[in-house]
């Protein structure tokens, strides 16, 4: 019987093909929605922090809507390879890319104690960065540039595995569903931490990308199903 896996995010054609070739049947839906916001860009900061690609997209939209050129002298710090790629594709200099916000906060604390930072944030961002900066007396300001909304949906069937890509996705799913003994595959440790509140069988992707999460499931789930 073909295992049915659930993705809490709509996947692209290549990602779907990977699962199909591995003989998994995919069901998918968007457990969250992202809305980019209008915002006023605070001035006087030469160091920008982006904790997700959504923050970058909103910043780039702000520049486009207001017919503003991007400043190549801005020094960017970010979380995640996808975020880094979007920044560099748009001519922005990335000083440091970290796997999560806490790792980035620790790096800045050690190497940029006296610099001032503007954090591009969403309404549901974790407080790791601002809490660390306050504790270490690093000057910063936050600007909310996107809004994450939960889209809870009751699902009437069980799955061989569930793919999660953010803590908000986990929260949205568990608003109306139980995970139970179903193995879950998470894009990173921050998402896994939220998932562990609801289940024990949590696997973290080797790299914090959607593709890596899918590959981790393909390589790992058949063994789990045999146990």
C-alpha atoms as a PDB file:
ATOM      1  CA  UNK A   1       0.000   0.000   0.000  1.00  0.00           C
ATOM      2  CA  UNK A   2       1.400   3.413  -1.001  1.00  0.00           C
ATOM      3  CA  UNK A   3       2.190   5.562   2.064  1.00  0.00           C
ATOM      4  CA  UNK A   4       0.295   8.870   2.181  1.00  0.00           C
ATOM      5  CA  UNK A   5       2.291  11.861   3.438  1.00  0.00           C
ATOM      6  CA  UNK A   6       0.968  15.305   4.287  1.00  0.00           C
ATOM      7  CA  UNK A   7       2.792  18.524   3.488  1.00  0.00           C
ATOM      8  CA  UNK A   8       1.636  21.588   5.423  1.00  0.00           C
ATOM      9  CA  UNK A   9       2.838  23.744   2.536  1.00  0.00           C
ATOM     10  CA  UNK A  10       2.078  23.529  -1.176  1.00  0.00           C
ATOM     11  CA  UNK A  11       5.097  22.048  -2.950  1.00  0.00           C
ATOM     12  CA  UNK A  12       6.492  22.860  -6.364  1.00  0.00           C
ATOM     13  CA  UNK A  13       6.473  20.488  -9.332  1.00  0.00           C
ATOM     14  CA  UNK A  14       9.991  19.116  -8.765  1.00  0.00           C
ATOM     15  CA  UNK A  15       9.337  18.486  -5.069  1.00  0.00           C
ATOM     16  CA  UNK A  16       6.140  16.609  -5.875  1.00  0.00           C
ATOM     17  CA  UNK A  17       7.983  14.559  -8.462  1.00  0.00           C
ATOM     18  CA  UNK A  18      10.589  13.495  -5.886  1.00  0.00           C
ATOM     19  CA  UNK A  19       7.895  12.094  -3.645  1.00  0.00           C
ATOM     20  CA  UNK A  20       6.108  10.433  -6.535  1.00  0.00           C
ATOM     21  CA  UNK A  21       9.321   8.769  -7.754  1.00  0.00           C
ATOM     22  CA  UNK A  22       9.926   7.504  -4.209  1.00  0.00           C
ATOM     23  CA  UNK A  23       6.434   5.970  -4.334  1.00  0.00           C
ATOM     24  CA  UNK A  24       4.756   8.213  -1.795  1.00  0.00           C
ATOM     25  CA  UNK A  25       1.291   9.668  -2.302  1.00  0.00           C
ATOM     26  CA  UNK A  26       1.156  13.369  -1.414  1.00  0.00           C
ATOM     27  CA  UNK A  27      -1.609  15.424   0.142  1.00  0.00           C
ATOM     28  CA  UNK A  28      -0.889  19.087   0.756  1.00  0.00           C
ATOM     29  CA  UNK A  29      -2.348  22.368   1.927  1.00  0.00           C
ATOM     30  CA  UNK A  30      -1.060  25.694   3.231  1.00  0.00           C
ATOM     31  CA  UNK A  31      -1.318  25.629   7.021  1.00  0.00           C
ATOM     32  CA  UNK A  32      -0.347  29.307   7.151  1.00  0.00           C
ATOM     33  CA  UNK A  33      -0.601  32.355   4.903  1.00  0.00           C
ATOM     34  CA  UNK A  34       1.883  35.216   4.624  1.00  0.00           C
ATOM     35  CA  UNK A  35       0.898  38.821   3.897  1.00  0.00           C
ATOM     36  CA  UNK A  36       3.563  41.427   3.151  1.00  0.00           C
ATOM     37  CA  UNK A  37       2.884  44.724   4.931  1.00  0.00           C
ATOM     38  CA  UNK A  38       3.315  48.391   4.144  1.00  0.00           C
ATOM     39  CA  UNK A  39       5.778  49.877   6.605  1.00  0.00           C
ATOM     40  CA  UNK A  40       7.951  52.884   7.296  1.00  0.00           C
ATOM     41  CA  UNK A  41      11.638  52.074   7.011  1.00  0.00           C
ATOM     42  CA  UNK A  42      13.582  53.359  10.037  1.00  0.00           C
ATOM     43  CA  UNK A  43      16.657  55.352   9.066  1.00  0.00           C
ATOM     44  CA  UNK A  44      20.167  55.433  10.470  1.00  0.00           C
ATOM     45  CA  UNK A  45      20.921  51.690  10.398  1.00  0.00           C
ATOM     46  CA  UNK A  46      23.754  50.195   8.355  1.00  0.00           C
ATOM     47  CA  UNK A  47      23.213  46.628   9.612  1.00  0.00           C
ATOM     48  CA  UNK A  48      20.050  44.767   8.611  1.00  0.00           C
ATOM     49  CA  UNK A  49      18.831  41.436   9.996  1.00  0.00           C
ATOM     50  CA  UNK A  50      16.448  39.189   8.047  1.00  0.00           C
ATOM     51  CA  UNK A  51      15.232  36.067   9.835  1.00  0.00           C
ATOM     52  CA  UNK A  52      13.250  34.751   6.857  1.00  0.00           C
ATOM     53  CA  UNK A  53      12.845  35.165   3.121  1.00  0.00           C
ATOM     54  CA  UNK A  54       9.456  36.797   3.787  1.00  0.00           C
ATOM     55  CA  UNK A  55      11.232  39.712   5.449  1.00  0.00           C
ATOM     56  CA  UNK A  56      13.463  40.115   2.405  1.00  0.00           C
ATOM     57  CA  UNK A  57      10.519  39.985   0.020  1.00  0.00           C
ATOM     58  CA  UNK A  58       8.682  42.642   1.995  1.00  0.00           C
ATOM     59  CA  UNK A  59      11.771  44.870   2.075  1.00  0.00           C
ATOM     60  CA  UNK A  60      12.257  44.507  -1.683  1.00  0.00           C
ATOM     61  CA  UNK A  61       8.561  45.241  -2.264  1.00  0.00           C
ATOM     62  CA  UNK A  62       8.926  48.373  -0.111  1.00  0.00           C
ATOM     63  CA  UNK A  63      11.816  49.579  -2.275  1.00  0.00           C
ATOM     64  CA  UNK A  64       9.878  48.877  -5.476  1.00  0.00           C
ATOM     65  CA  UNK A  65       6.620  50.496  -4.375  1.00  0.00           C
ATOM     66  CA  UNK A  66       8.438  53.605  -3.177  1.00  0.00           C
ATOM     67  CA  UNK A  67      10.816  53.715  -6.165  1.00  0.00           C
ATOM     68  CA  UNK A  68      13.832  53.514  -3.872  1.00  0.00           C
ATOM     69  CA  UNK A  69      17.210  52.092  -4.879  1.00  0.00           C
ATOM     70  CA  UNK A  70      18.725  49.486  -2.584  1.00  0.00           C
ATOM     71  CA  UNK A  71      21.837  50.592  -0.763  1.00  0.00           C
ATOM     72  CA  UNK A  72      24.724  48.209  -1.544  1.00  0.00           C
ATOM     73  CA  UNK A  73      26.544  49.484   1.533  1.00  0.00           C
ATOM     74  CA  UNK A  74      24.000  47.938   3.893  1.00  0.00           C
ATOM     75  CA  UNK A  75      25.471  44.921   5.678  1.00  0.00           C
ATOM     76  CA  UNK A  76      22.973  42.091   5.986  1.00  0.00           C
ATOM     77  CA  UNK A  77      22.775  39.268   8.492  1.00  0.00           C
ATOM     78  CA  UNK A  78      20.273  36.497   7.916  1.00  0.00           C
ATOM     79  CA  UNK A  79      18.828  33.138   8.892  1.00  0.00           C
ATOM     80  CA  UNK A  80      18.714  30.391   6.266  1.00  0.00           C
ATOM     81  CA  UNK A  81      20.294  29.692   2.891  1.00  0.00           C
ATOM     82  CA  UNK A  82      17.154  30.687   0.969  1.00  0.00           C
ATOM     83  CA  UNK A  83      17.151  34.074   2.699  1.00  0.00           C
ATOM     84  CA  UNK A  84      20.822  34.549   1.875  1.00  0.00           C
ATOM     85  CA  UNK A  85      20.260  33.620  -1.764  1.00  0.00           C
ATOM     86  CA  UNK A  86      17.437  36.133  -2.249  1.00  0.00           C
ATOM     87  CA  UNK A  87      19.509  38.897  -0.654  1.00  0.00           C
ATOM     88  CA  UNK A  88      22.520  38.206  -2.860  1.00  0.00           C
ATOM     89  CA  UNK A  89      20.418  37.819  -6.000  1.00  0.00           C
ATOM     90  CA  UNK A  90      19.195  41.360  -5.387  1.00  0.00           C
ATOM     91  CA  UNK A  91      22.645  42.852  -4.882  1.00  0.00           C
ATOM     92  CA  UNK A  92      22.715  42.955  -1.099  1.00  0.00           C
ATOM     93  CA  UNK A  93      25.842  42.008   0.830  1.00  0.00           C
ATOM     94  CA  UNK A  94      25.468  39.179   3.349  1.00  0.00           C
ATOM     95  CA  UNK A  95      28.000  39.329   6.169  1.00  0.00           C
ATOM     96  CA  UNK A  96      26.747  36.269   8.052  1.00  0.00           C
ATOM     97  CA  UNK A  97      24.198  33.517   7.435  1.00  0.00           C
ATOM     98  CA  UNK A  98      23.181  31.318  10.380  1.00  0.00           C
ATOM     99  CA  UNK A  99      20.964  28.253  10.616  1.00  0.00           C
ATOM    100  CA  UNK A 100      18.697  29.827  13.258  1.00  0.00           C
ATOM    101  CA  UNK A 101      18.108  33.101  15.065  1.00  0.00           C
ATOM    102  CA  UNK A 102      19.854  32.058  18.269  1.00  0.00           C
ATOM    103  CA  UNK A 103      23.023  31.106  16.389  1.00  0.00           C
ATOM    104  CA  UNK A 104      22.935  34.474  14.625  1.00  0.00           C
ATOM    105  CA  UNK A 105      22.392  36.313  17.909  1.00  0.00           C
ATOM    106  CA  UNK A 106      25.410  34.597  19.455  1.00  0.00           C
ATOM    107  CA  UNK A 107      27.586  35.480  16.445  1.00  0.00           C
ATOM    108  CA  UNK A 108      26.586  39.143  16.587  1.00  0.00           C
ATOM    109  CA  UNK A 109      27.184  39.253  20.329  1.00  0.00           C
ATOM    110  CA  UNK A 110      30.757  38.028  19.823  1.00  0.00           C
ATOM    111  CA  UNK A 111      31.711  39.998  16.721  1.00  0.00           C
ATOM    112  CA  UNK A 112      29.448  43.063  16.444  1.00  0.00           C
ATOM    113  CA  UNK A 113      28.797  44.126  20.025  1.00  0.00           C
ATOM    114  CA  UNK A 114      29.020  47.840  19.246  1.00  0.00           C
ATOM    115  CA  UNK A 115      27.009  47.935  16.018  1.00  0.00           C
ATOM    116  CA  UNK A 116      23.360  48.965  15.647  1.00  0.00           C
ATOM    117  CA  UNK A 117      20.834  46.675  13.955  1.00  0.00           C
ATOM    118  CA  UNK A 118      17.470  46.903  12.250  1.00  0.00           C
ATOM    119  CA  UNK A 119      15.517  43.633  12.441  1.00  0.00           C
ATOM    120  CA  UNK A 120      12.893  42.923   9.765  1.00  0.00           C
ATOM    121  CA  UNK A 121      10.350  40.811  11.570  1.00  0.00           C
ATOM    122  CA  UNK A 122       6.938  39.154  11.329  1.00  0.00           C
ATOM    123  CA  UNK A 123       4.116  39.161  13.844  1.00  0.00           C
ATOM    124  CA  UNK A 124       4.896  35.615  15.033  1.00  0.00           C
ATOM    125  CA  UNK A 125       8.699  35.718  15.144  1.00  0.00           C
ATOM    126  CA  UNK A 126      10.414  34.061  18.089  1.00  0.00           C
ATOM    127  CA  UNK A 127      12.052  36.434  20.618  1.00  0.00           C
ATOM    128  CA  UNK A 128      15.557  34.882  20.524  1.00  0.00           C
ATOM    129  CA  UNK A 129      17.224  37.815  18.776  1.00  0.00           C
ATOM    130  CA  UNK A 130      15.670  40.738  20.681  1.00  0.00           C
ATOM    131  CA  UNK A 131      15.996  38.945  24.021  1.00  0.00           C
ATOM    132  CA  UNK A 132      19.697  38.289  23.430  1.00  0.00           C
ATOM    133  CA  UNK A 133      20.306  41.842  22.242  1.00  0.00           C
ATOM    134  CA  UNK A 134      18.602  43.316  25.300  1.00  0.00           C
ATOM    135  CA  UNK A 135      20.616  41.089  27.601  1.00  0.00           C
ATOM    136  CA  UNK A 136      23.869  42.047  25.871  1.00  0.00           C
ATOM    137  CA  UNK A 137      22.878  45.738  25.535  1.00  0.00           C
ATOM    138  CA  UNK A 138      23.171  45.688  21.733  1.00  0.00           C
ATOM    139  CA  UNK A 139      21.264  48.583  20.175  1.00  0.00           C
ATOM    140  CA  UNK A 140      18.507  47.479  17.804  1.00  0.00           C
ATOM    141  CA  UNK A 141      15.095  48.339  16.439  1.00  0.00           C
ATOM    142  CA  UNK A 142      12.424  46.022  15.021  1.00  0.00           C
ATOM    143  CA  UNK A 143      10.102  46.759  12.117  1.00  0.00           C
ATOM    144  CA  UNK A 144       7.195  44.409  11.371  1.00  0.00           C
ATOM    145  CA  UNK A 145       7.106  43.809   7.636  1.00  0.00           C
ATOM    146  CA  UNK A 146       4.938  40.714   7.190  1.00  0.00           C
ATOM    147  CA  UNK A 147       2.027  38.986   8.890  1.00  0.00           C
ATOM    148  CA  UNK A 148       1.624  35.245   9.382  1.00  0.00           C
ATOM    149  CA  UNK A 149      -1.918  33.895   9.770  1.00  0.00           C
ATOM    150  CA  UNK A 150      -2.826  30.372  10.857  1.00  0.00           C
ATOM    151  CA  UNK A 151      -5.185  28.401   8.608  1.00  0.00           C
ATOM    152  CA  UNK A 152      -6.431  25.539  10.812  1.00  0.00           C
ATOM    153  CA  UNK A 153      -8.124  22.723   8.916  1.00  0.00           C
ATOM    154  CA  UNK A 154      -9.685  19.551  10.292  1.00  0.00           C
ATOM    155  CA  UNK A 155      -8.353  16.518   8.423  1.00  0.00           C
ATOM    156  CA  UNK A 156     -10.412  13.350   8.646  1.00  0.00           C
ATOM    157  CA  UNK A 157      -7.751  10.800   7.711  1.00  0.00           C
ATOM    158  CA  UNK A 158      -4.418   9.600   9.030  1.00  0.00           C
ATOM    159  CA  UNK A 159      -1.022   9.903   7.349  1.00  0.00           C
ATOM    160  CA  UNK A 160       2.197   7.932   7.240  1.00  0.00           C
ATOM    161  CA  UNK A 161       4.118  11.152   7.942  1.00  0.00           C
ATOM    162  CA  UNK A 162       3.658  14.917   8.176  1.00  0.00           C
ATOM    163  CA  UNK A 163       6.026  17.595   6.848  1.00  0.00           C
ATOM    164  CA  UNK A 164       6.331  20.850   8.830  1.00  0.00           C
ATOM    165  CA  UNK A 165       8.239  23.975   7.791  1.00  0.00           C
ATOM    166  CA  UNK A 166       7.669  26.430  10.647  1.00  0.00           C
ATOM    167  CA  UNK A 167       6.507  26.529  14.270  1.00  0.00           C
ATOM    168  CA  UNK A 168       3.399  28.376  13.053  1.00  0.00           C
ATOM    169  CA  UNK A 169       2.627  25.485  10.705  1.00  0.00           C
ATOM    170  CA  UNK A 170       2.772  23.062  13.624  1.00  0.00           C
ATOM    171  CA  UNK A 171       0.527  25.305  15.704  1.00  0.00           C
ATOM    172  CA  UNK A 172      -1.960  25.652  12.866  1.00  0.00           C
ATOM    173  CA  UNK A 173      -2.169  21.895  12.250  1.00  0.00           C
ATOM    174  CA  UNK A 174      -2.550  21.017  15.922  1.00  0.00           C
ATOM    175  CA  UNK A 175      -5.376  23.522  16.425  1.00  0.00           C
ATOM    176  CA  UNK A 176      -7.756  20.962  14.868  1.00  0.00           C
ATOM    177  CA  UNK A 177      -5.768  17.726  14.596  1.00  0.00           C
ATOM    178  CA  UNK A 178      -3.808  15.312  16.759  1.00  0.00           C
ATOM    179  CA  UNK A 179      -0.395  14.110  15.590  1.00  0.00           C
ATOM    180  CA  UNK A 180      -0.416  11.024  17.811  1.00  0.00           C
ATOM    181  CA  UNK A 181       2.197   8.440  16.780  1.00  0.00           C
ATOM    182  CA  UNK A 182       2.635   9.800  13.265  1.00  0.00           C
ATOM    183  CA  UNK A 183       6.293  10.574  12.420  1.00  0.00           C
ATOM    184  CA  UNK A 184       6.863  14.233  11.596  1.00  0.00           C
ATOM    185  CA  UNK A 185       9.669  15.721   9.526  1.00  0.00           C
ATOM    186  CA  UNK A 186      10.719  19.290  10.341  1.00  0.00           C
ATOM    187  CA  UNK A 187      12.701  21.819   8.336  1.00  0.00           C
ATOM    188  CA  UNK A 188      14.811  22.833  11.335  1.00  0.00           C
ATOM    189  CA  UNK A 189      15.312  22.625  15.063  1.00  0.00           C
ATOM    190  CA  UNK A 190      13.033  25.582  15.868  1.00  0.00           C
ATOM    191  CA  UNK A 191      10.127  23.877  14.105  1.00  0.00           C
ATOM    192  CA  UNK A 192      11.053  20.556  15.725  1.00  0.00           C
ATOM    193  CA  UNK A 193      10.945  22.148  19.169  1.00  0.00           C
ATOM    194  CA  UNK A 194       7.321  23.140  18.590  1.00  0.00           C
ATOM    195  CA  UNK A 195       6.489  19.706  17.155  1.00  0.00           C
ATOM    196  CA  UNK A 196       7.889  17.921  20.215  1.00  0.00           C
ATOM    197  CA  UNK A 197       5.157  19.548  22.290  1.00  0.00           C
ATOM    198  CA  UNK A 198       2.681  17.345  20.424  1.00  0.00           C
ATOM    199  CA  UNK A 199       4.527  14.126  19.544  1.00  0.00           C
ATOM    200  CA  UNK A 200       7.645  12.035  20.122  1.00  0.00           C
ATOM    201  CA  UNK A 201       8.595  10.903  16.611  1.00  0.00           C
ATOM    202  CA  UNK A 202      10.319  14.040  15.273  1.00  0.00           C
ATOM    203  CA  UNK A 203      12.994  13.978  12.552  1.00  0.00           C
ATOM    204  CA  UNK A 204      14.926  17.137  11.635  1.00  0.00           C
ATOM    205  CA  UNK A 205      16.105  17.725   8.073  1.00  0.00           C
ATOM    206  CA  UNK A 206      19.838  17.630   7.411  1.00  0.00           C
ATOM    207  CA  UNK A 207      19.649  21.162   5.997  1.00  0.00           C
ATOM    208  CA  UNK A 208      16.972  23.805   6.737  1.00  0.00           C
ATOM    209  CA  UNK A 209      15.332  23.741   3.310  1.00  0.00           C
ATOM    210  CA  UNK A 210      12.104  22.298   1.936  1.00  0.00           C
ATOM    211  CA  UNK A 211      14.071  20.072  -0.440  1.00  0.00           C
ATOM    212  CA  UNK A 212      16.183  18.662   2.371  1.00  0.00           C
ATOM    213  CA  UNK A 213      13.082  18.021   4.479  1.00  0.00           C
ATOM    214  CA  UNK A 214      11.583  16.009   1.615  1.00  0.00           C
ATOM    215  CA  UNK A 215      14.805  14.073   1.030  1.00  0.00           C
ATOM    216  CA  UNK A 216      15.095  13.284   4.737  1.00  0.00           C
ATOM    217  CA  UNK A 217      11.579  11.850   4.655  1.00  0.00           C
ATOM    218  CA  UNK A 218      12.313   9.789   1.535  1.00  0.00           C
ATOM    219  CA  UNK A 219      15.449   8.264   3.074  1.00  0.00           C
ATOM    220  CA  UNK A 220      14.109   7.803   6.617  1.00  0.00           C
ATOM    221  CA  UNK A 221      10.402   7.002   6.492  1.00  0.00           C
ATOM    222  CA  UNK A 222      10.609   3.528   4.890  1.00  0.00           C
ATOM    223  CA  UNK A 223      12.737   2.329   7.825  1.00  0.00           C
ATOM    224  CA  UNK A 224      10.353   3.885  10.334  1.00  0.00           C
ATOM    225  CA  UNK A 225       7.363   2.199   8.705  1.00  0.00           C
ATOM    226  CA  UNK A 226       9.022  -1.216   9.051  1.00  0.00           C
ATOM    227  CA  UNK A 227       9.501  -0.866  12.792  1.00  0.00           C
END
